[in-house]
Amino acid sequence: RSIMKSFVFYLLLLAGILSLHSCYYDKEELLYGTPNAPCTDTTTSASYTQQVVPIFQQFCYSCHSGGFPSGGITMGTHAADKAIGQNGKLYGSVSYGAGYSPMPKGMSKMTSCQIATIKKWIDNGMPNN
């Protein structure tokens, strides 16, 4: 009889733990932003150090830096980031352009505002500002 009580106790404990875990959920739009939400940034330029680098740190540098960068594409310095901005691969990939490998791989697409920030930086000549 005590074995049955112990079994029921542990079964209820397990059910309680699982029910608490199953109540947890994330709202993707709160964590990552809404991909097609309108941008509120009305500036005509983007700062490399203040705006662009944080986006690259979040989405790009973990795979595209170090001794063996993914796809052989190295990022992480202004010169390297500017080079892929100049050849069109950066914007083509982050905007999911036809003929480009969509980036970031294995993650959600950047928000339209993040992509617009990168585009502003590219369109303004990719300054090291």
Protein backbone atom coordinates (compact mmCIF):
# COMPACT_ATOMS: atom_id res chain seq x y z
CA ARG A 1 0.00 0.00 0.00
CA SER A 2 2.83 2.44 0.80
CA ILE A 3 4.41 1.67 -2.59
CA MET A 4 1.15 2.66 -4.26
CA LYS A 5 1.03 5.92 -2.27
CA SER A 6 4.63 6.69 -3.24
CA PHE A 7 3.87 5.95 -6.88
CA VAL A 8 0.80 8.22 -6.86
CA PHE A 9 2.77 10.95 -5.08
CA TYR A 10 5.57 10.89 -7.65
CA LEU A 11 3.11 10.68 -10.51
CA LEU A 12 1.28 13.77 -9.23
CA LEU A 13 4.57 15.55 -8.64
CA LEU A 14 5.68 14.78 -12.18
CA ALA A 15 2.32 15.92 -13.59
CA GLY A 16 2.61 19.16 -11.61
CA ILE A 17 6.11 19.86 -12.88
CA LEU A 18 5.10 19.12 -16.46
CA SER A 19 2.03 21.33 -16.22
CA LEU A 20 4.12 24.23 -14.95
CA HIS A 21 6.63 23.76 -17.74
CA SER A 22 3.93 23.54 -20.38
CA CYS A 23 2.45 26.88 -19.32
CA TYR A 24 5.59 28.72 -20.41
CA TYR A 25 5.55 30.30 -23.82
CA ASP A 26 7.25 33.15 -25.62
CA LYS A 27 5.63 35.74 -27.78
CA GLU A 28 7.96 35.81 -30.78
CA GLU A 29 7.00 39.35 -31.76
CA LEU A 30 7.96 40.63 -28.29
CA LEU A 31 11.29 38.82 -28.29
CA TYR A 32 12.37 39.44 -31.87
CA GLY A 33 10.14 42.22 -33.16
CA THR A 34 7.60 41.94 -35.90
CA PRO A 35 9.44 41.27 -39.17
CA ASN A 36 7.26 43.57 -41.27
CA ALA A 37 6.47 46.24 -38.68
CA PRO A 38 6.94 49.79 -39.95
CA CYS A 39 10.22 51.43 -38.96
CA THR A 40 10.10 54.46 -36.76
CA ASP A 41 13.66 55.51 -37.57
CA THR A 42 13.45 58.37 -40.04
CA THR A 43 17.16 59.21 -40.24
CA THR A 44 18.79 59.03 -43.63
CA SER A 45 22.04 57.46 -42.44
CA ALA A 46 23.10 54.66 -40.14
CA SER A 47 26.06 54.55 -37.77
CA TYR A 48 28.30 51.56 -38.31
CA THR A 49 29.45 51.32 -34.69
CA GLN A 50 26.17 52.27 -33.00
CA GLN A 51 23.61 50.55 -35.23
CA VAL A 52 25.12 48.19 -37.79
CA VAL A 53 27.70 46.37 -35.64
CA PRO A 54 25.10 45.40 -32.97
CA ILE A 55 22.96 43.82 -35.71
CA PHE A 56 25.99 41.97 -37.08
CA GLN A 57 26.94 40.84 -33.58
CA GLN A 58 23.45 39.43 -33.04
CA PHE A 59 23.07 37.72 -36.39
CA CYS A 60 26.37 37.36 -38.27
CA TYR A 61 29.63 37.36 -36.35
CA SER A 62 29.09 34.08 -34.51
CA CYS A 63 29.31 32.19 -37.83
CA HIS A 64 31.31 34.57 -40.02
CA SER A 65 34.41 35.16 -37.92
CA GLY A 66 37.31 33.22 -36.48
CA GLY A 67 39.61 30.75 -38.19
CA PHE A 68 36.92 28.91 -40.14
CA PRO A 69 34.15 31.36 -41.07
CA SER A 70 30.99 29.87 -42.51
CA GLY A 71 30.91 29.86 -46.28
CA GLY A 72 34.40 31.34 -46.32
CA ILE A 73 32.87 34.76 -45.63
CA THR A 74 34.70 36.63 -42.92
CA MET A 75 33.09 39.47 -41.01
CA GLY A 76 33.96 41.34 -37.85
CA THR A 77 36.00 44.31 -39.02
CA HIS A 78 34.88 47.40 -40.86
CA ALA A 79 36.99 46.44 -43.89
CA ALA A 80 35.52 42.93 -44.06
CA ASP A 81 31.95 44.11 -43.48
CA LYS A 82 32.36 46.84 -46.10
CA ALA A 83 33.72 44.35 -48.65
CA ILE A 84 30.61 42.17 -48.52
CA GLY A 85 28.47 45.31 -48.53
CA GLN A 86 30.18 46.47 -51.71
CA ASN A 87 29.83 43.21 -53.60
CA GLY A 88 26.08 43.01 -52.92
CA LYS A 89 26.15 39.74 -50.96
CA LEU A 90 25.32 41.37 -47.63
CA TYR A 91 22.08 43.05 -48.63
CA GLY A 92 21.10 40.27 -51.03
CA SER A 93 21.41 37.68 -48.26
CA VAL A 94 19.73 39.57 -45.40
CA SER A 95 16.86 40.72 -47.63
CA TYR A 96 16.38 37.17 -48.97
CA GLY A 97 17.07 38.37 -52.50
CA ALA A 98 16.72 35.96 -55.41
CA GLY A 99 19.98 34.13 -56.08
CA TYR A 100 21.42 34.80 -52.60
CA SER A 101 21.71 32.46 -49.65
CA PRO A 102 19.16 33.73 -47.08
CA MET A 103 20.82 34.87 -43.87
CA PRO A 104 21.05 34.38 -41.01
CA LYS A 105 21.02 30.61 -41.46
CA GLY A 106 18.95 28.72 -38.92
CA MET A 107 17.49 31.89 -37.39
CA SER A 108 14.51 34.10 -38.03
CA LYS A 109 14.79 36.69 -40.76
CA MET A 110 15.95 40.08 -39.51
CA THR A 111 13.21 42.63 -38.97
CA SER A 112 12.47 45.08 -41.77
CA CYS A 113 13.97 47.83 -39.60
CA GLN A 114 17.23 45.93 -39.13
CA ILE A 115 17.44 45.28 -42.87
CA ALA A 116 16.64 48.95 -43.58
CA THR A 117 19.45 50.01 -41.21
CA ILE A 118 21.94 47.84 -43.10
CA LYS A 119 20.65 49.22 -46.41
CA LYS A 120 21.05 52.82 -45.19
CA TRP A 121 24.64 52.08 -44.21
CA ILE A 122 25.35 50.51 -47.60
CA ASP A 123 23.59 53.28 -49.53
CA ASN A 124 25.66 55.91 -47.69
CA GLY A 125 28.96 54.33 -48.76
CA MET A 126 29.48 52.12 -45.68
CA PRO A 127 31.33 54.72 -43.57
CA ASN A 128 33.29 53.67 -40.49
CA ASN A 129 31.28 55.95 -38.21
